[in-house]
N, C-alpha and C. Protein backbone atom coordinates (compact mmCIF):
# COMPACT_ATOMS: atom_id res chain seq x y z
N MET A 1 -82.64 -69.40 -18.30
CA MET A 1 -82.67 -68.91 -17.16
C MET A 1 -83.27 -67.06 -17.02
N ASN A 2 -84.37 -67.12 -16.60
CA ASN A 2 -85.14 -65.62 -16.50
C ASN A 2 -85.33 -64.96 -14.92
N ILE A 3 -84.29 -64.05 -15.05
CA ILE A 3 -84.21 -63.29 -14.01
C ILE A 3 -84.22 -62.25 -13.69
N ASP A 4 -84.81 -61.99 -12.44
CA ASP A 4 -86.00 -60.24 -12.24
C ASP A 4 -85.05 -59.88 -11.62
N ILE A 5 -84.72 -58.87 -11.94
CA ILE A 5 -83.70 -58.18 -11.81
C ILE A 5 -83.77 -56.45 -11.08
N ASP A 6 -83.12 -56.03 -10.06
CA ASP A 6 -84.05 -54.20 -9.70
C ASP A 6 -82.83 -53.76 -10.40
N VAL A 7 -82.81 -53.12 -11.87
CA VAL A 7 -81.67 -52.71 -12.38
C VAL A 7 -80.77 -51.58 -11.53
N GLU A 8 -81.91 -50.36 -10.51
CA GLU A 8 -81.20 -49.60 -10.50
C GLU A 8 -80.58 -49.60 -8.93
N LYS A 9 -80.73 -51.17 -8.59
CA LYS A 9 -80.15 -51.59 -7.22
C LYS A 9 -78.76 -52.06 -7.95
N LEU A 10 -79.28 -53.06 -9.22
CA LEU A 10 -77.17 -53.20 -9.85
C LEU A 10 -76.62 -52.13 -10.46
N LYS A 11 -77.33 -51.21 -10.47
CA LYS A 11 -76.19 -49.53 -10.90
C LYS A 11 -75.78 -49.35 -9.73
N TYR A 12 -76.69 -49.40 -8.20
CA TYR A 12 -76.20 -48.88 -7.58
C TYR A 12 -74.83 -49.41 -7.13
N LEU A 13 -74.80 -50.76 -7.14
CA LEU A 13 -73.64 -51.79 -6.75
C LEU A 13 -72.47 -51.43 -7.03
N LEU A 14 -73.08 -51.13 -8.67
CA LEU A 14 -71.75 -50.82 -9.94
C LEU A 14 -71.18 -49.90 -9.68
N ASN A 15 -71.69 -48.62 -8.72
CA ASN A 15 -71.68 -47.33 -9.09
C ASN A 15 -69.89 -46.58 -8.73
N ASP A 16 -69.31 -47.55 -7.68
CA ASP A 16 -67.61 -47.40 -7.12
C ASP A 16 -67.42 -48.53 -7.62
N MET A 17 -67.81 -49.11 -8.72
CA MET A 17 -66.47 -50.68 -9.46
C MET A 17 -65.27 -50.03 -10.04
N ASP A 18 -65.25 -48.80 -10.64
CA ASP A 18 -64.36 -48.44 -11.65
C ASP A 18 -62.77 -47.79 -10.20
N VAL A 19 -63.85 -47.58 -9.07
CA VAL A 19 -62.49 -47.15 -7.60
C VAL A 19 -61.90 -48.26 -7.53
N TYR A 20 -62.57 -49.52 -7.83
CA TYR A 20 -62.24 -50.74 -6.74
C TYR A 20 -61.12 -51.26 -7.87
N ILE A 21 -61.83 -51.49 -9.65
CA ILE A 21 -60.79 -51.59 -10.08
C ILE A 21 -59.46 -51.46 -10.14
N GLY A 22 -59.55 -49.70 -10.09
CA GLY A 22 -58.15 -48.78 -10.00
C GLY A 22 -57.63 -49.77 -9.13
N GLU A 23 -58.03 -49.95 -7.69
CA GLU A 23 -57.57 -50.53 -6.41
C GLU A 23 -56.63 -51.64 -6.96
N LEU A 24 -57.18 -52.16 -7.71
CA LEU A 24 -56.55 -53.65 -7.93
C LEU A 24 -55.45 -53.31 -8.82
N ILE A 25 -55.94 -52.99 -10.49
CA ILE A 25 -54.61 -52.14 -10.67
C ILE A 25 -53.49 -52.09 -10.12
N ASP A 26 -53.53 -50.89 -8.93
CA ASP A 26 -52.39 -50.55 -8.69
C ASP A 26 -51.42 -51.75 -7.46
N ASN A 27 -52.56 -52.28 -6.82
CA ASN A 27 -51.85 -53.54 -6.14
C ASN A 27 -51.19 -55.01 -7.29
N VAL A 28 -51.31 -54.80 -8.50
CA VAL A 28 -50.57 -55.11 -9.34
C VAL A 28 -49.57 -55.12 -10.01
N LEU A 29 -50.12 -53.80 -10.15
CA LEU A 29 -48.63 -52.45 -10.48
C LEU A 29 -47.18 -52.67 -9.65
N ASN A 30 -47.99 -52.72 -8.44
CA ASN A 30 -47.00 -52.62 -6.74
C ASN A 30 -46.59 -53.99 -6.59
N ASP A 31 -46.96 -55.07 -7.37
CA ASP A 31 -46.69 -56.46 -6.63
C ASP A 31 -45.87 -56.89 -7.09
N SER A 32 -45.18 -57.96 -6.82
CA SER A 32 -44.07 -58.64 -6.65
C SER A 32 -43.48 -58.82 -8.47
N GLU A 33 -42.97 -59.11 -8.84
CA GLU A 33 -42.48 -60.21 -9.90
C GLU A 33 -42.81 -61.38 -10.10
N THR A 34 -41.49 -61.31 -8.76
CA THR A 34 -40.91 -63.04 -8.41
C THR A 34 -42.16 -63.88 -7.84
N ASP A 35 -42.79 -62.89 -6.74
CA ASP A 35 -43.54 -63.33 -6.10
C ASP A 35 -45.23 -62.88 -5.71
N PRO A 36 -45.81 -62.88 -6.92
CA PRO A 36 -47.29 -62.13 -7.03
C PRO A 36 -48.19 -62.65 -5.96
N HIS A 37 -48.90 -61.46 -5.40
CA HIS A 37 -49.90 -61.73 -4.57
C HIS A 37 -50.90 -61.39 -5.45
N TYR A 38 -51.05 -60.90 -6.47
CA TYR A 38 -52.49 -60.22 -6.87
C TYR A 38 -52.54 -60.41 -7.93
N SER A 39 -54.08 -60.63 -8.76
CA SER A 39 -53.77 -61.30 -10.34
C SER A 39 -54.47 -60.35 -11.01
N ALA A 40 -53.40 -59.91 -11.91
CA ALA A 40 -53.82 -59.25 -13.36
C ALA A 40 -55.46 -59.86 -14.12
N VAL A 41 -54.95 -61.18 -13.96
CA VAL A 41 -55.75 -61.99 -14.69
C VAL A 41 -57.58 -61.59 -14.48
N PHE A 42 -57.21 -61.57 -13.00
CA PHE A 42 -58.75 -61.48 -12.47
C PHE A 42 -58.49 -59.83 -12.10
N THR A 43 -57.70 -59.13 -12.38
CA THR A 43 -58.44 -57.41 -12.88
C THR A 43 -59.06 -57.54 -13.96
N SER A 44 -57.99 -57.80 -14.44
CA SER A 44 -58.65 -57.93 -16.44
C SER A 44 -59.87 -58.26 -16.65
N ASN A 45 -60.20 -59.50 -15.83
CA ASN A 45 -61.75 -59.82 -15.83
C ASN A 45 -62.95 -58.67 -15.35
N LYS A 46 -62.52 -58.06 -14.21
CA LYS A 46 -63.27 -57.32 -13.39
C LYS A 46 -63.41 -56.12 -14.68
N ILE A 47 -62.06 -55.64 -15.35
CA ILE A 47 -62.22 -54.43 -16.18
C ILE A 47 -63.44 -54.84 -17.47
N LYS A 48 -63.48 -56.13 -17.99
CA LYS A 48 -64.17 -56.14 -19.03
C LYS A 48 -65.66 -56.97 -18.70
N CYS A 49 -66.30 -57.46 -17.47
CA CYS A 49 -67.49 -57.99 -16.82
C CYS A 49 -67.97 -56.55 -16.61
N TYR A 50 -67.16 -55.41 -15.90
CA TYR A 50 -67.74 -54.19 -15.47
C TYR A 50 -68.35 -53.33 -17.18
N ILE A 51 -66.99 -53.31 -17.84
CA ILE A 51 -67.99 -52.67 -19.23
C ILE A 51 -68.90 -53.33 -19.90
N GLN A 52 -68.92 -54.64 -20.13
CA GLN A 52 -70.02 -55.21 -20.61
C GLN A 52 -71.13 -54.91 -20.07
N ILE A 53 -71.60 -55.52 -18.62
CA ILE A 53 -72.34 -55.21 -17.44
C ILE A 53 -72.91 -53.83 -18.22
N MET A 54 -71.90 -52.49 -17.47
CA MET A 54 -72.66 -51.72 -18.17
C MET A 54 -73.78 -51.35 -19.36
N ASN A 55 -72.50 -51.59 -20.13
CA ASN A 55 -73.24 -51.44 -20.91
C ASN A 55 -74.15 -52.28 -21.72
N GLU A 56 -74.27 -53.06 -21.30
CA GLU A 56 -76.18 -53.69 -21.00
C GLU A 56 -77.30 -53.20 -20.29
N LEU A 57 -76.77 -52.40 -19.65
CA LEU A 57 -77.27 -51.67 -18.84
C LEU A 57 -78.02 -50.29 -19.08
N GLY A 58 -77.20 -49.82 -20.51
CA GLY A 58 -77.41 -48.65 -21.03
C GLY A 58 -76.52 -47.59 -20.88
N GLU A 59 -75.53 -48.15 -19.91
CA GLU A 59 -74.91 -46.74 -19.38
C GLU A 59 -73.72 -46.48 -20.57
N LYS A 60 -73.41 -44.57 -20.57
CA LYS A 60 -72.35 -44.58 -21.21
C LYS A 60 -70.90 -44.48 -20.17
N LEU A 61 -70.44 -45.04 -20.65
CA LEU A 61 -68.84 -45.08 -20.03
C LEU A 61 -68.00 -44.25 -21.30
N PRO A 62 -66.81 -43.56 -20.32
CA PRO A 62 -65.60 -42.92 -21.34
C PRO A 62 -65.08 -44.16 -21.51
N TYR A 63 -65.36 -45.11 -21.70
CA TYR A 63 -63.53 -46.37 -22.39
C TYR A 63 -64.82 -47.80 -22.69
N SER A 64 -64.20 -48.15 -23.74
CA SER A 64 -65.31 -49.16 -23.99
C SER A 64 -63.90 -50.65 -24.08
N ASN A 65 -62.86 -50.48 -23.70
CA ASN A 65 -61.65 -51.61 -23.53
C ASN A 65 -60.85 -51.31 -22.05
N ALA A 66 -59.91 -52.33 -21.59
CA ALA A 66 -59.16 -52.05 -20.42
C ALA A 66 -58.21 -51.18 -20.93
N GLU A 67 -57.52 -50.75 -22.21
CA GLU A 67 -56.56 -50.33 -22.58
C GLU A 67 -56.95 -48.85 -22.36
N GLU A 68 -58.14 -48.17 -23.28
CA GLU A 68 -59.28 -47.08 -23.00
C GLU A 68 -59.71 -47.06 -21.28
N PHE A 69 -59.71 -48.11 -20.42
CA PHE A 69 -59.86 -47.77 -19.40
C PHE A 69 -59.02 -46.91 -18.60
N PHE A 70 -57.59 -47.65 -18.69
CA PHE A 70 -56.22 -47.35 -18.29
C PHE A 70 -55.97 -46.13 -18.46
N ASP A 71 -56.50 -45.40 -20.07
CA ASP A 71 -56.40 -44.00 -20.44
C ASP A 71 -57.12 -42.82 -19.79
N PHE A 72 -57.79 -43.41 -19.75
CA PHE A 72 -59.06 -42.46 -18.79
C PHE A 72 -58.54 -42.40 -17.16
N ASN A 73 -58.36 -43.55 -16.49
CA ASN A 73 -58.35 -43.14 -14.96
C ASN A 73 -56.65 -42.87 -14.87
N VAL A 74 -56.05 -42.38 -16.32
CA VAL A 74 -54.82 -41.56 -16.02
C VAL A 74 -53.63 -42.46 -15.58
N TYR A 75 -53.74 -43.56 -16.06
CA TYR A 75 -52.62 -44.38 -15.88
C TYR A 75 -51.35 -44.16 -16.92
N THR A 76 -50.65 -44.74 -17.37
CA THR A 76 -49.57 -43.84 -18.37
C THR A 76 -49.76 -45.31 -19.48
N LYS A 77 -48.99 -45.22 -20.59
CA LYS A 77 -48.85 -46.44 -21.35
C LYS A 77 -48.21 -47.72 -21.11
N GLU A 78 -46.61 -46.92 -20.39
CA GLU A 78 -46.25 -48.40 -19.60
C GLU A 78 -46.89 -48.89 -18.50
N GLU A 79 -47.22 -47.94 -17.87
CA GLU A 79 -48.08 -48.60 -16.50
C GLU A 79 -49.08 -49.87 -17.12
N TYR A 80 -49.76 -49.61 -18.32
CA TYR A 80 -50.68 -50.23 -18.93
C TYR A 80 -49.87 -51.29 -19.38
N ARG A 81 -48.28 -51.41 -20.53
CA ARG A 81 -47.37 -52.24 -20.74
C ARG A 81 -47.35 -53.19 -19.90
N LEU A 82 -47.13 -53.28 -18.70
CA LEU A 82 -46.42 -53.47 -17.75
C LEU A 82 -47.69 -53.99 -16.83
N PHE A 83 -48.60 -53.93 -16.87
CA PHE A 83 -50.12 -54.80 -16.48
C PHE A 83 -50.46 -56.01 -17.55
N GLU A 84 -50.42 -55.78 -18.67
CA GLU A 84 -50.47 -56.74 -19.51
C GLU A 84 -49.40 -57.78 -19.76
N GLU A 85 -48.50 -57.20 -19.32
CA GLU A 85 -47.18 -58.08 -19.84
C GLU A 85 -47.26 -59.31 -18.63
N SER A 86 -48.27 -58.41 -17.48
CA SER A 86 -48.42 -59.41 -15.90
C SER A 86 -49.25 -59.77 -16.72
N ARG A 87 -50.59 -60.12 -17.02
CA ARG A 87 -51.45 -61.01 -17.21
C ARG A 87 -51.07 -61.77 -18.00
N ARG A 88 -50.18 -61.78 -19.37
CA ARG A 88 -50.23 -62.66 -20.11
C ARG A 88 -49.49 -63.76 -19.17
N LYS A 89 -48.39 -63.38 -19.02
CA LYS A 89 -47.35 -64.12 -18.54
C LYS A 89 -48.48 -65.24 -16.94
N GLU A 90 -49.31 -64.70 -16.41
CA GLU A 90 -50.11 -65.07 -15.51
C GLU A 90 -51.64 -66.13 -16.37
N SER A 91 -52.22 -65.67 -17.54
CA SER A 91 -52.91 -66.22 -17.95
C SER A 91 -52.54 -67.76 -18.42
N GLU A 92 -51.22 -68.21 -19.00
CA GLU A 92 -50.17 -69.14 -19.11
C GLU A 92 -51.02 -69.90 -17.77
N TYR A 93 -51.00 -69.88 -16.74
CA TYR A 93 -51.32 -70.52 -15.67
C TYR A 93 -52.56 -70.40 -14.88
N TYR A 94 -53.39 -69.82 -14.84
CA TYR A 94 -54.68 -69.20 -14.14
C TYR A 94 -55.34 -70.01 -14.60
N ARG A 95 -56.32 -70.79 -13.19
CA ARG A 95 -56.91 -71.74 -13.66
C ARG A 95 -58.53 -71.35 -14.00
N ASN A 96 -58.44 -70.27 -13.18
CA ASN A 96 -60.45 -69.63 -13.52
C ASN A 96 -60.39 -69.35 -14.65
N ILE A 97 -61.71 -68.66 -15.43
CA ILE A 97 -62.50 -68.58 -16.45
C ILE A 97 -61.45 -66.72 -17.02
N GLN A 98 -61.33 -66.60 -17.95
CA GLN A 98 -60.71 -65.49 -18.38
C GLN A 98 -61.30 -64.71 -19.56
N TYR A 99 -61.58 -64.34 -19.36
CA TYR A 99 -62.66 -63.66 -20.32
C TYR A 99 -61.95 -62.07 -21.14
């Protein structure tokens, strides 16, 4: 499939994606462990896709993976650990695609 995309408009759409991802991370970290309403897998997918697409667009980001994204956005190592623990647990029953 050959898709003609206006790269500048795509970059514009992705411009504040890191802020949106930060809000998703905050929701996951503040969610109930016993009755979660926010998906760590979904959020992890967003981080990975965002980084990959921005790299493909030639945009230089100050992070290259989820852990570096957390670090750059001033999350603690413990917050990253808790997020990853939530993602691993959820990934066992998550029915959609996982990157």
